[in-house]
């Protein structure tokens, strides 16, 4: 275990803590730094902070890490479903169970490790070209930039809400109609690995409409304006329709009306019922649209409802 302590000077003030640390430790990617922050291994003035904390002059920074946790640059032969590629970007259809980036909780065998096996030059691009992320147990479409220029441009499209992202989500309960959830999201006060609707949190806007209703469940078509960590999962739990199979945000009381067959089907799924099925955007004056079929294991559960 390595422990470092240092003080922020004027030159390094007003930087995001995760970006600052990843730039100053060659052995730590930003993803690994974020994992260390989540685990409380990064302290500012003796206190835990959020990933987006802005450094201030005279801040006392403490960080603990194990060099063996960083295998982000390790190429590994991992199955990746690349459905499109050109000189600027790739579209990957990620399967559930695949972590995007190595972190404190998972050293390797991630999408990034597989990406570097096929495209070694991705290590020269910020975040290895990742423009937006999906949770480990969420499946579906991701954009990977192939150049520094395209990473900058595509990230800007995400930040300015010019990339349309749609998800299918199987939820407990039956919303009467579609709606918009405009509730800020922040770190959970008792569990730093989770998030919640929180006053003073970051802006988060989710739109949904009902695609199909079942006896005790509904299949929703969800689109995002913002892209906060766990956003869909947190927002749906907040309004009382949590994602089926979500081990973090779905509570036991949400199962009270479920039949034995429904419970068995979802228990056998082994993932949350969330799939990123569509991406649409304009890049360099050309329109792009990509879609992904419902994963077989999720479709089997839906067919049993």
C-alpha atoms as a PDB file:
ATOM      1  CA  UNK A   1       0.000   0.000   0.000  1.00  0.00           C
ATOM      2  CA  UNK A   2       1.326   3.440  -0.975  1.00  0.00           C
ATOM      3  CA  UNK A   3       0.349   6.577   0.952  1.00  0.00           C
ATOM      4  CA  UNK A   4       0.968  10.113  -0.326  1.00  0.00           C
ATOM      5  CA  UNK A   5       0.304  13.506   1.263  1.00  0.00           C
ATOM      6  CA  UNK A   6       0.704  16.920  -0.307  1.00  0.00           C
ATOM      7  CA  UNK A   7      -0.654  20.475  -0.288  1.00  0.00           C
ATOM      8  CA  UNK A   8      -2.446  22.274  -3.123  1.00  0.00           C
ATOM      9  CA  UNK A   9      -0.709  25.394  -4.382  1.00  0.00           C
ATOM     10  CA  UNK A  10      -2.183  28.235  -6.452  1.00  0.00           C
ATOM     11  CA  UNK A  11      -1.256  26.571  -9.744  1.00  0.00           C
ATOM     12  CA  UNK A  12      -3.210  23.400  -8.918  1.00  0.00           C
ATOM     13  CA  UNK A  13      -6.255  25.021  -7.331  1.00  0.00           C
ATOM     14  CA  UNK A  14      -9.748  24.854  -8.852  1.00  0.00           C
ATOM     15  CA  UNK A  15      -9.293  21.419 -10.451  1.00  0.00           C
ATOM     16  CA  UNK A  16     -11.592  18.430 -10.069  1.00  0.00           C
ATOM     17  CA  UNK A  17      -9.933  16.162  -7.527  1.00  0.00           C
ATOM     18  CA  UNK A  18     -10.253  13.029  -9.707  1.00  0.00           C
ATOM     19  CA  UNK A  19      -8.741  14.755 -12.746  1.00  0.00           C
ATOM     20  CA  UNK A  20      -5.964  16.372 -10.701  1.00  0.00           C
ATOM     21  CA  UNK A  21      -4.883  13.098  -9.085  1.00  0.00           C
ATOM     22  CA  UNK A  22      -4.982  11.053 -12.289  1.00  0.00           C
ATOM     23  CA  UNK A  23      -2.811  13.664 -14.008  1.00  0.00           C
ATOM     24  CA  UNK A  24      -0.277  13.661 -11.202  1.00  0.00           C
ATOM     25  CA  UNK A  25      -0.001   9.901 -10.719  1.00  0.00           C
ATOM     26  CA  UNK A  26       1.045   8.095 -13.892  1.00  0.00           C
ATOM     27  CA  UNK A  27       0.148   4.763 -12.314  1.00  0.00           C
ATOM     28  CA  UNK A  28      -3.480   5.768 -11.654  1.00  0.00           C
ATOM     29  CA  UNK A  29      -6.143   6.220 -14.305  1.00  0.00           C
ATOM     30  CA  UNK A  30      -9.059   8.546 -13.630  1.00  0.00           C
ATOM     31  CA  UNK A  31     -11.351   5.549 -13.221  1.00  0.00           C
ATOM     32  CA  UNK A  32      -9.132   4.059 -10.536  1.00  0.00           C
ATOM     33  CA  UNK A  33      -8.885   7.429  -8.764  1.00  0.00           C
ATOM     34  CA  UNK A  34     -12.689   7.649  -8.765  1.00  0.00           C
ATOM     35  CA  UNK A  35     -12.855   4.187  -7.222  1.00  0.00           C
ATOM     36  CA  UNK A  36     -10.420   5.240  -4.509  1.00  0.00           C
ATOM     37  CA  UNK A  37     -12.512   8.355  -3.829  1.00  0.00           C
ATOM     38  CA  UNK A  38     -15.652   6.216  -3.540  1.00  0.00           C
ATOM     39  CA  UNK A  39     -13.892   3.941  -1.039  1.00  0.00           C
ATOM     40  CA  UNK A  40     -12.765   6.873   1.100  1.00  0.00           C
ATOM     41  CA  UNK A  41      -9.078   6.427   0.275  1.00  0.00           C
ATOM     42  CA  UNK A  42      -8.790  10.036  -0.863  1.00  0.00           C
ATOM     43  CA  UNK A  43      -9.142  12.645   1.884  1.00  0.00           C
ATOM     44  CA  UNK A  44      -9.108  16.427   1.655  1.00  0.00           C
ATOM     45  CA  UNK A  45      -8.311  18.141   4.940  1.00  0.00           C
ATOM     46  CA  UNK A  46      -9.020  14.827   6.641  1.00  0.00           C
ATOM     47  CA  UNK A  47     -12.506  14.415   5.146  1.00  0.00           C
ATOM     48  CA  UNK A  48     -14.012  12.325   2.365  1.00  0.00           C
ATOM     49  CA  UNK A  49     -15.033  14.210  -0.783  1.00  0.00           C
ATOM     50  CA  UNK A  50     -17.028  13.689  -3.968  1.00  0.00           C
ATOM     51  CA  UNK A  51     -15.385  12.956  -7.307  1.00  0.00           C
ATOM     52  CA  UNK A  52     -16.184  16.459  -8.576  1.00  0.00           C
ATOM     53  CA  UNK A  53     -14.713  18.281  -5.569  1.00  0.00           C
ATOM     54  CA  UNK A  54     -12.753  21.359  -6.726  1.00  0.00           C
ATOM     55  CA  UNK A  55      -9.328  21.762  -5.136  1.00  0.00           C
ATOM     56  CA  UNK A  56      -8.571  24.920  -3.139  1.00  0.00           C
ATOM     57  CA  UNK A  57      -5.316  26.622  -2.203  1.00  0.00           C
ATOM     58  CA  UNK A  58      -3.741  25.001   0.900  1.00  0.00           C
ATOM     59  CA  UNK A  59      -5.967  21.898   0.726  1.00  0.00           C
ATOM     60  CA  UNK A  60      -4.214  18.946   2.366  1.00  0.00           C
ATOM     61  CA  UNK A  61      -4.613  15.889   0.134  1.00  0.00           C
ATOM     62  CA  UNK A  62      -4.110  12.310   1.325  1.00  0.00           C
ATOM     63  CA  UNK A  63      -4.323   9.303  -0.990  1.00  0.00           C
ATOM     64  CA  UNK A  64      -3.737   5.589  -0.404  1.00  0.00           C
ATOM     65  CA  UNK A  65      -3.480   3.075  -3.228  1.00  0.00           C
ATOM     66  CA  UNK A  66      -1.970  -0.233  -4.230  1.00  0.00           C
ATOM     67  CA  UNK A  67       0.021  -0.155  -7.460  1.00  0.00           C
ATOM     68  CA  UNK A  68      -1.183  -3.667  -8.241  1.00  0.00           C
ATOM     69  CA  UNK A  69      -4.725  -2.358  -8.637  1.00  0.00           C
ATOM     70  CA  UNK A  70      -3.858  -0.564 -11.886  1.00  0.00           C
ATOM     71  CA  UNK A  71      -4.117  -2.887 -14.872  1.00  0.00           C
ATOM     72  CA  UNK A  72      -5.938  -0.414 -17.100  1.00  0.00           C
ATOM     73  CA  UNK A  73      -3.181  -0.571 -19.732  1.00  0.00           C
ATOM     74  CA  UNK A  74      -3.115  -4.377 -19.781  1.00  0.00           C
ATOM     75  CA  UNK A  75      -4.443  -5.711 -23.122  1.00  0.00           C
ATOM     76  CA  UNK A  76      -6.625  -8.792 -22.659  1.00  0.00           C
ATOM     77  CA  UNK A  77      -8.453 -10.940 -25.184  1.00  0.00           C
ATOM     78  CA  UNK A  78     -12.005 -10.193 -24.069  1.00  0.00           C
ATOM     79  CA  UNK A  79     -15.065 -10.623 -26.241  1.00  0.00           C
ATOM     80  CA  UNK A  80     -16.380  -7.266 -27.482  1.00  0.00           C
ATOM     81  CA  UNK A  81     -19.349  -6.837 -29.797  1.00  0.00           C
ATOM     82  CA  UNK A  82     -18.252  -3.961 -32.049  1.00  0.00           C
ATOM     83  CA  UNK A  83     -21.212  -3.150 -34.298  1.00  0.00           C
ATOM     84  CA  UNK A  84     -19.724  -0.121 -36.086  1.00  0.00           C
ATOM     85  CA  UNK A  85     -16.368   1.525 -36.609  1.00  0.00           C
ATOM     86  CA  UNK A  86     -14.888   4.330 -38.659  1.00  0.00           C
ATOM     87  CA  UNK A  87     -11.807   6.495 -38.241  1.00  0.00           C
ATOM     88  CA  UNK A  88     -13.476   8.621 -35.562  1.00  0.00           C
ATOM     89  CA  UNK A  89     -15.371   6.275 -33.273  1.00  0.00           C
ATOM     90  CA  UNK A  90     -16.581   2.775 -32.446  1.00  0.00           C
ATOM     91  CA  UNK A  91     -19.985   1.623 -31.274  1.00  0.00           C
ATOM     92  CA  UNK A  92     -19.832  -1.293 -28.843  1.00  0.00           C
ATOM     93  CA  UNK A  93     -22.843  -3.336 -27.759  1.00  0.00           C
ATOM     94  CA  UNK A  94     -21.787  -4.178 -24.199  1.00  0.00           C
ATOM     95  CA  UNK A  95     -23.111  -7.288 -22.510  1.00  0.00           C
ATOM     96  CA  UNK A  96     -24.263  -7.237 -18.887  1.00  0.00           C
ATOM     97  CA  UNK A  97     -21.603  -8.251 -16.389  1.00  0.00           C
ATOM     98  CA  UNK A  98     -18.763  -6.476 -18.206  1.00  0.00           C
ATOM     99  CA  UNK A  99     -17.199  -3.628 -16.209  1.00  0.00           C
ATOM    100  CA  UNK A 100     -16.150  -0.698 -18.390  1.00  0.00           C
ATOM    101  CA  UNK A 101     -12.968   0.425 -16.619  1.00  0.00           C
ATOM    102  CA  UNK A 102     -10.566  -1.151 -14.098  1.00  0.00           C
ATOM    103  CA  UNK A 103     -10.970   0.294 -10.642  1.00  0.00           C
ATOM    104  CA  UNK A 104     -10.288  -0.369  -7.008  1.00  0.00           C
ATOM    105  CA  UNK A 105     -12.939  -3.097  -7.015  1.00  0.00           C
ATOM    106  CA  UNK A 106     -11.875  -4.830 -10.236  1.00  0.00           C
ATOM    107  CA  UNK A 107      -8.291  -4.909 -11.444  1.00  0.00           C
ATOM    108  CA  UNK A 108      -8.738  -6.183 -14.996  1.00  0.00           C
ATOM    109  CA  UNK A 109     -10.974  -8.190 -17.380  1.00  0.00           C
ATOM    110  CA  UNK A 110     -12.849  -5.024 -18.326  1.00  0.00           C
ATOM    111  CA  UNK A 111     -14.065  -3.486 -21.556  1.00  0.00           C
ATOM    112  CA  UNK A 112     -10.981  -1.233 -21.584  1.00  0.00           C
ATOM    113  CA  UNK A 113      -8.634  -4.219 -21.323  1.00  0.00           C
ATOM    114  CA  UNK A 114     -10.424  -5.844 -24.260  1.00  0.00           C
ATOM    115  CA  UNK A 115     -10.382  -2.608 -26.236  1.00  0.00           C
ATOM    116  CA  UNK A 116      -6.602  -2.267 -25.849  1.00  0.00           C
ATOM    117  CA  UNK A 117      -6.143  -5.811 -27.135  1.00  0.00           C
ATOM    118  CA  UNK A 118      -7.711  -4.760 -30.456  1.00  0.00           C
ATOM    119  CA  UNK A 119      -6.772  -1.063 -30.541  1.00  0.00           C
ATOM    120  CA  UNK A 120      -3.511  -0.465 -28.586  1.00  0.00           C
ATOM    121  CA  UNK A 121      -3.459   3.244 -29.491  1.00  0.00           C
ATOM    122  CA  UNK A 122      -6.570   3.864 -27.367  1.00  0.00           C
ATOM    123  CA  UNK A 123      -4.245   4.362 -24.390  1.00  0.00           C
ATOM    124  CA  UNK A 124      -3.176   7.672 -25.968  1.00  0.00           C
ATOM    125  CA  UNK A 125      -6.728   9.058 -25.726  1.00  0.00           C
ATOM    126  CA  UNK A 126      -8.282  10.468 -22.513  1.00  0.00           C
ATOM    127  CA  UNK A 127     -10.333   7.810 -20.708  1.00  0.00           C
ATOM    128  CA  UNK A 128      -9.191   5.377 -23.428  1.00  0.00           C
ATOM    129  CA  UNK A 129     -11.774   6.961 -25.712  1.00  0.00           C
ATOM    130  CA  UNK A 130     -14.794   6.288 -23.503  1.00  0.00           C
ATOM    131  CA  UNK A 131     -17.370   9.023 -24.138  1.00  0.00           C
ATOM    132  CA  UNK A 132     -20.043   7.763 -21.739  1.00  0.00           C
ATOM    133  CA  UNK A 133     -20.274   4.743 -19.485  1.00  0.00           C
ATOM    134  CA  UNK A 134     -22.721   2.004 -18.621  1.00  0.00           C
ATOM    135  CA  UNK A 135     -22.958   0.271 -15.252  1.00  0.00           C
ATOM    136  CA  UNK A 136     -21.514  -3.232 -15.061  1.00  0.00           C
ATOM    137  CA  UNK A 137     -24.924  -4.931 -15.069  1.00  0.00           C
ATOM    138  CA  UNK A 138     -26.452  -2.661 -17.724  1.00  0.00           C
ATOM    139  CA  UNK A 139     -26.182  -3.843 -21.317  1.00  0.00           C
ATOM    140  CA  UNK A 140     -26.270  -1.915 -24.571  1.00  0.00           C
ATOM    141  CA  UNK A 141     -24.647   0.695 -26.760  1.00  0.00           C
ATOM    142  CA  UNK A 142     -21.553   2.747 -25.962  1.00  0.00           C
ATOM    143  CA  UNK A 143     -19.530   5.251 -28.001  1.00  0.00           C
ATOM    144  CA  UNK A 144     -15.736   4.935 -27.996  1.00  0.00           C
ATOM    145  CA  UNK A 145     -13.761   7.774 -29.615  1.00  0.00           C
ATOM    146  CA  UNK A 146     -10.708   6.772 -31.683  1.00  0.00           C
ATOM    147  CA  UNK A 147      -8.858  10.089 -31.777  1.00  0.00           C
ATOM    148  CA  UNK A 148      -8.213  12.958 -29.402  1.00  0.00           C
ATOM    149  CA  UNK A 149     -10.236  15.272 -31.652  1.00  0.00           C
ATOM    150  CA  UNK A 150     -13.242  12.964 -31.855  1.00  0.00           C
ATOM    151  CA  UNK A 151     -13.135  12.373 -28.095  1.00  0.00           C
ATOM    152  CA  UNK A 152     -13.307  16.126 -27.509  1.00  0.00           C
ATOM    153  CA  UNK A 153     -16.114  16.576 -30.044  1.00  0.00           C
ATOM    154  CA  UNK A 154     -18.208  13.599 -28.935  1.00  0.00           C
ATOM    155  CA  UNK A 155     -17.809  14.465 -25.265  1.00  0.00           C
ATOM    156  CA  UNK A 156     -19.036  17.958 -26.107  1.00  0.00           C
ATOM    157  CA  UNK A 157     -22.097  16.455 -27.823  1.00  0.00           C
ATOM    158  CA  UNK A 158     -22.860  14.482 -24.664  1.00  0.00           C
ATOM    159  CA  UNK A 159     -22.417  17.516 -22.424  1.00  0.00           C
ATOM    160  CA  UNK A 160     -24.602  19.708 -24.646  1.00  0.00           C
ATOM    161  CA  UNK A 161     -27.281  16.990 -24.769  1.00  0.00           C
ATOM    162  CA  UNK A 162     -27.023  16.429 -28.521  1.00  0.00           C
ATOM    163  CA  UNK A 163     -26.700  12.648 -28.346  1.00  0.00           C
ATOM    164  CA  UNK A 164     -30.032  10.878 -27.925  1.00  0.00           C
ATOM    165  CA  UNK A 165     -29.777   7.845 -25.645  1.00  0.00           C
ATOM    166  CA  UNK A 166     -32.708   5.485 -25.123  1.00  0.00           C
ATOM    167  CA  UNK A 167     -33.022   2.596 -22.691  1.00  0.00           C
ATOM    168  CA  UNK A 168     -35.490  -0.192 -22.080  1.00  0.00           C
ATOM    169  CA  UNK A 169     -36.130  -0.701 -18.373  1.00  0.00           C
ATOM    170  CA  UNK A 170     -38.282  -3.378 -16.776  1.00  0.00           C
ATOM    171  CA  UNK A 171     -39.619  -1.905 -13.541  1.00  0.00           C
ATOM    172  CA  UNK A 172     -41.750  -3.038 -10.628  1.00  0.00           C
ATOM    173  CA  UNK A 173     -45.264  -1.590 -10.733  1.00  0.00           C
ATOM    174  CA  UNK A 174     -47.362   0.153 -13.355  1.00  0.00           C
ATOM    175  CA  UNK A 175     -46.907   3.877 -13.959  1.00  0.00           C
ATOM    176  CA  UNK A 176     -50.144   5.335 -15.289  1.00  0.00           C
ATOM    177  CA  UNK A 177     -48.370   7.284 -18.013  1.00  0.00           C
ATOM    178  CA  UNK A 178     -45.012   8.645 -19.053  1.00  0.00           C
ATOM    179  CA  UNK A 179     -43.404  11.507 -17.201  1.00  0.00           C
ATOM    180  CA  UNK A 180     -40.257  13.570 -16.688  1.00  0.00           C
ATOM    181  CA  UNK A 181     -38.191  13.236 -13.522  1.00  0.00           C
ATOM    182  CA  UNK A 182     -36.213  16.400 -12.818  1.00  0.00           C
ATOM    183  CA  UNK A 183     -34.514  15.702  -9.497  1.00  0.00           C
ATOM    184  CA  UNK A 184     -30.884  16.386  -8.494  1.00  0.00           C
ATOM    185  CA  UNK A 185     -28.707  13.397  -7.638  1.00  0.00           C
ATOM    186  CA  UNK A 186     -25.877  13.204  -5.118  1.00  0.00           C
ATOM    187  CA  UNK A 187     -23.877  10.693  -3.127  1.00  0.00           C
ATOM    188  CA  UNK A 188     -25.911   8.651  -0.635  1.00  0.00           C
ATOM    189  CA  UNK A 189     -25.229   9.943   2.908  1.00  0.00           C
ATOM    190  CA  UNK A 190     -24.838   6.459   4.412  1.00  0.00           C
ATOM    191  CA  UNK A 191     -23.397   4.409   1.542  1.00  0.00           C
ATOM    192  CA  UNK A 192     -20.824   6.125  -0.652  1.00  0.00           C
ATOM    193  CA  UNK A 193     -21.147   3.470  -3.337  1.00  0.00           C
ATOM    194  CA  UNK A 194     -24.765   4.497  -3.932  1.00  0.00           C
ATOM    195  CA  UNK A 195     -26.572   7.666  -4.986  1.00  0.00           C
ATOM    196  CA  UNK A 196     -29.915   9.254  -4.161  1.00  0.00           C
ATOM    197  CA  UNK A 197     -32.143  12.196  -4.990  1.00  0.00           C
ATOM    198  CA  UNK A 198     -30.568  14.929  -2.927  1.00  0.00           C
ATOM    199  CA  UNK A 199     -31.075  18.648  -2.459  1.00  0.00           C
ATOM    200  CA  UNK A 200     -27.946  20.384  -3.666  1.00  0.00           C
ATOM    201  CA  UNK A 201     -26.982  17.432  -5.868  1.00  0.00           C
ATOM    202  CA  UNK A 202     -26.153  17.606  -9.563  1.00  0.00           C
ATOM    203  CA  UNK A 203     -28.911  18.295 -12.075  1.00  0.00           C
ATOM    204  CA  UNK A 204     -30.454  15.085 -13.418  1.00  0.00           C
ATOM    205  CA  UNK A 205     -33.320  14.851 -15.921  1.00  0.00           C
ATOM    206  CA  UNK A 206     -34.907  11.575 -17.049  1.00  0.00           C
ATOM    207  CA  UNK A 207     -37.860  11.143 -19.427  1.00  0.00           C
ATOM    208  CA  UNK A 208     -39.875   7.939 -19.649  1.00  0.00           C
ATOM    209  CA  UNK A 209     -42.923   6.541 -21.382  1.00  0.00           C
ATOM    210  CA  UNK A 210     -44.707   3.241 -20.887  1.00  0.00           C
ATOM    211  CA  UNK A 211     -43.836   0.784 -23.649  1.00  0.00           C
ATOM    212  CA  UNK A 212     -45.766  -2.234 -22.325  1.00  0.00           C
ATOM    213  CA  UNK A 213     -47.593  -3.189 -19.129  1.00  0.00           C
ATOM    214  CA  UNK A 214     -47.676  -6.570 -17.410  1.00  0.00           C
ATOM    215  CA  UNK A 215     -49.522  -7.762 -14.309  1.00  0.00           C
ATOM    216  CA  UNK A 216     -46.964  -6.525 -11.782  1.00  0.00           C
ATOM    217  CA  UNK A 217     -44.318  -4.943 -14.002  1.00  0.00           C
ATOM    218  CA  UNK A 218     -43.920  -2.425 -16.807  1.00  0.00           C
ATOM    219  CA  UNK A 219     -41.449  -2.085 -19.661  1.00  0.00           C
ATOM    220  CA  UNK A 220     -40.447   1.559 -19.999  1.00  0.00           C
ATOM    221  CA  UNK A 221     -38.745   3.467 -22.796  1.00  0.00           C
ATOM    222  CA  UNK A 222     -36.396   5.907 -21.075  1.00  0.00           C
ATOM    223  CA  UNK A 223     -34.348   8.783 -22.481  1.00  0.00           C
ATOM    224  CA  UNK A 224     -31.705  10.861 -20.731  1.00  0.00           C
ATOM    225  CA  UNK A 225     -30.978  14.560 -20.825  1.00  0.00           C
ATOM    226  CA  UNK A 226     -28.153  14.247 -18.314  1.00  0.00           C
ATOM    227  CA  UNK A 227     -25.867  11.323 -17.558  1.00  0.00           C
ATOM    228  CA  UNK A 228     -25.318  11.058 -13.820  1.00  0.00           C
ATOM    229  CA  UNK A 229     -23.985   7.870 -12.276  1.00  0.00           C
ATOM    230  CA  UNK A 230     -26.878   5.430 -11.644  1.00  0.00           C
ATOM    231  CA  UNK A 231     -29.303   8.118 -12.865  1.00  0.00           C
ATOM    232  CA  UNK A 232     -32.077   5.906 -14.235  1.00  0.00           C
ATOM    233  CA  UNK A 233     -31.815   3.485 -11.335  1.00  0.00           C
ATOM    234  CA  UNK A 234     -31.970   6.272  -8.733  1.00  0.00           C
ATOM    235  CA  UNK A 235     -34.799   8.189 -10.405  1.00  0.00           C
ATOM    236  CA  UNK A 236     -36.994   5.124 -10.916  1.00  0.00           C
ATOM    237  CA  UNK A 237     -36.457   4.004  -7.333  1.00  0.00           C
ATOM    238  CA  UNK A 238     -37.291   7.518  -6.128  1.00  0.00           C
ATOM    239  CA  UNK A 239     -40.712   7.560  -7.806  1.00  0.00           C
ATOM    240  CA  UNK A 240     -41.554   4.044  -6.629  1.00  0.00           C
ATOM    241  CA  UNK A 241     -40.865   1.999  -9.769  1.00  0.00           C
ATOM    242  CA  UNK A 242     -37.397   0.486  -9.239  1.00  0.00           C
ATOM    243  CA  UNK A 243     -35.550  -1.464 -11.921  1.00  0.00           C
ATOM    244  CA  UNK A 244     -36.298  -5.181 -11.654  1.00  0.00           C
ATOM    245  CA  UNK A 245     -33.239  -7.157 -10.628  1.00  0.00           C
ATOM    246  CA  UNK A 246     -31.380  -4.107  -9.302  1.00  0.00           C
ATOM    247  CA  UNK A 247     -29.491  -5.410  -6.277  1.00  0.00           C
ATOM    248  CA  UNK A 248     -28.691  -1.914  -4.991  1.00  0.00           C
ATOM    249  CA  UNK A 249     -31.863   0.141  -5.415  1.00  0.00           C
ATOM    250  CA  UNK A 250     -34.706  -2.400  -5.448  1.00  0.00           C
ATOM    251  CA  UNK A 251     -36.051  -3.148  -1.966  1.00  0.00           C
ATOM    252  CA  UNK A 252     -37.666  -6.360  -0.757  1.00  0.00           C
ATOM    253  CA  UNK A 253     -41.029  -4.600  -0.328  1.00  0.00           C
ATOM    254  CA  UNK A 254     -41.115  -4.010  -4.089  1.00  0.00           C
ATOM    255  CA  UNK A 255     -41.588  -7.773  -4.527  1.00  0.00           C
ATOM    256  CA  UNK A 256     -44.667  -8.094  -2.294  1.00  0.00           C
ATOM    257  CA  UNK A 257     -47.164  -8.442  -5.178  1.00  0.00           C
ATOM    258  CA  UNK A 258     -44.947 -10.596  -7.401  1.00  0.00           C
ATOM    259  CA  UNK A 259     -45.886 -14.186  -8.200  1.00  0.00           C
ATOM    260  CA  UNK A 260     -43.567 -17.112  -7.545  1.00  0.00           C
ATOM    261  CA  UNK A 261     -42.926 -17.494 -11.286  1.00  0.00           C
ATOM    262  CA  UNK A 262     -41.990 -13.805 -11.593  1.00  0.00           C
ATOM    263  CA  UNK A 263     -39.630 -14.013  -8.635  1.00  0.00           C
ATOM    264  CA  UNK A 264     -37.942 -17.146  -9.982  1.00  0.00           C
ATOM    265  CA  UNK A 265     -37.574 -15.641 -13.456  1.00  0.00           C
ATOM    266  CA  UNK A 266     -35.931 -12.461 -12.163  1.00  0.00           C
ATOM    267  CA  UNK A 267     -33.732 -14.294  -9.661  1.00  0.00           C
ATOM    268  CA  UNK A 268     -32.368 -16.395 -12.517  1.00  0.00           C
ATOM    269  CA  UNK A 269     -31.560 -13.261 -14.537  1.00  0.00           C
ATOM    270  CA  UNK A 270     -28.497 -12.278 -12.518  1.00  0.00           C
ATOM    271  CA  UNK A 271     -28.517  -8.647 -13.696  1.00  0.00           C
ATOM    272  CA  UNK A 272     -30.604  -5.486 -13.587  1.00  0.00           C
ATOM    273  CA  UNK A 273     -33.259  -5.138 -16.289  1.00  0.00           C
ATOM    274  CA  UNK A 274     -31.793  -2.100 -18.027  1.00  0.00           C
ATOM    275  CA  UNK A 275     -30.655  -2.046 -21.663  1.00  0.00           C
ATOM    276  CA  UNK A 276     -29.302   0.900 -23.693  1.00  0.00           C
ATOM    277  CA  UNK A 277     -30.967   0.121 -27.005  1.00  0.00           C
ATOM    278  CA  UNK A 278     -30.570   3.278 -29.114  1.00  0.00           C
ATOM    279  CA  UNK A 279     -28.036   6.010 -29.909  1.00  0.00           C
ATOM    280  CA  UNK A 280     -28.704   8.881 -32.310  1.00  0.00           C
ATOM    281  CA  UNK A 281     -26.510  11.891 -33.056  1.00  0.00           C
ATOM    282  CA  UNK A 282     -25.071  14.113 -35.766  1.00  0.00           C
ATOM    283  CA  UNK A 283     -21.302  14.068 -36.191  1.00  0.00           C
ATOM    284  CA  UNK A 284     -19.474  16.168 -38.782  1.00  0.00           C
ATOM    285  CA  UNK A 285     -22.783  16.992 -40.503  1.00  0.00           C
ATOM    286  CA  UNK A 286     -23.730  13.326 -40.869  1.00  0.00           C
ATOM    287  CA  UNK A 287     -26.544  11.641 -38.976  1.00  0.00           C
ATOM    288  CA  UNK A 288     -25.917   8.357 -37.165  1.00  0.00           C
ATOM    289  CA  UNK A 289     -28.461   5.986 -35.645  1.00  0.00           C
ATOM    290  CA  UNK A 290     -27.648   2.703 -33.906  1.00  0.00           C
ATOM    291  CA  UNK A 291     -29.917   0.171 -32.222  1.00  0.00           C
ATOM    292  CA  UNK A 292     -29.471  -2.980 -30.169  1.00  0.00           C
ATOM    293  CA  UNK A 293     -31.884  -5.873 -29.753  1.00  0.00           C
ATOM    294  CA  UNK A 294     -33.099  -6.861 -26.311  1.00  0.00           C
ATOM    295  CA  UNK A 295     -30.597  -9.343 -24.809  1.00  0.00           C
ATOM    296  CA  UNK A 296     -31.833 -12.930 -24.896  1.00  0.00           C
ATOM    297  CA  UNK A 297     -31.720 -13.402 -21.116  1.00  0.00           C
ATOM    298  CA  UNK A 298     -33.811 -10.275 -20.563  1.00  0.00           C
ATOM    299  CA  UNK A 299     -36.274 -11.141 -23.317  1.00  0.00           C
ATOM    300  CA  UNK A 300     -36.821 -14.587 -21.754  1.00  0.00           C
ATOM    301  CA  UNK A 301     -37.852 -12.949 -18.480  1.00  0.00           C
ATOM    302  CA  UNK A 302     -40.195 -10.525 -20.250  1.00  0.00           C
ATOM    303  CA  UNK A 303     -41.817 -13.430 -22.097  1.00  0.00           C
ATOM    304  CA  UNK A 304     -42.668 -15.048 -18.746  1.00  0.00           C
ATOM    305  CA  UNK A 305     -44.429 -12.023 -17.274  1.00  0.00           C
END
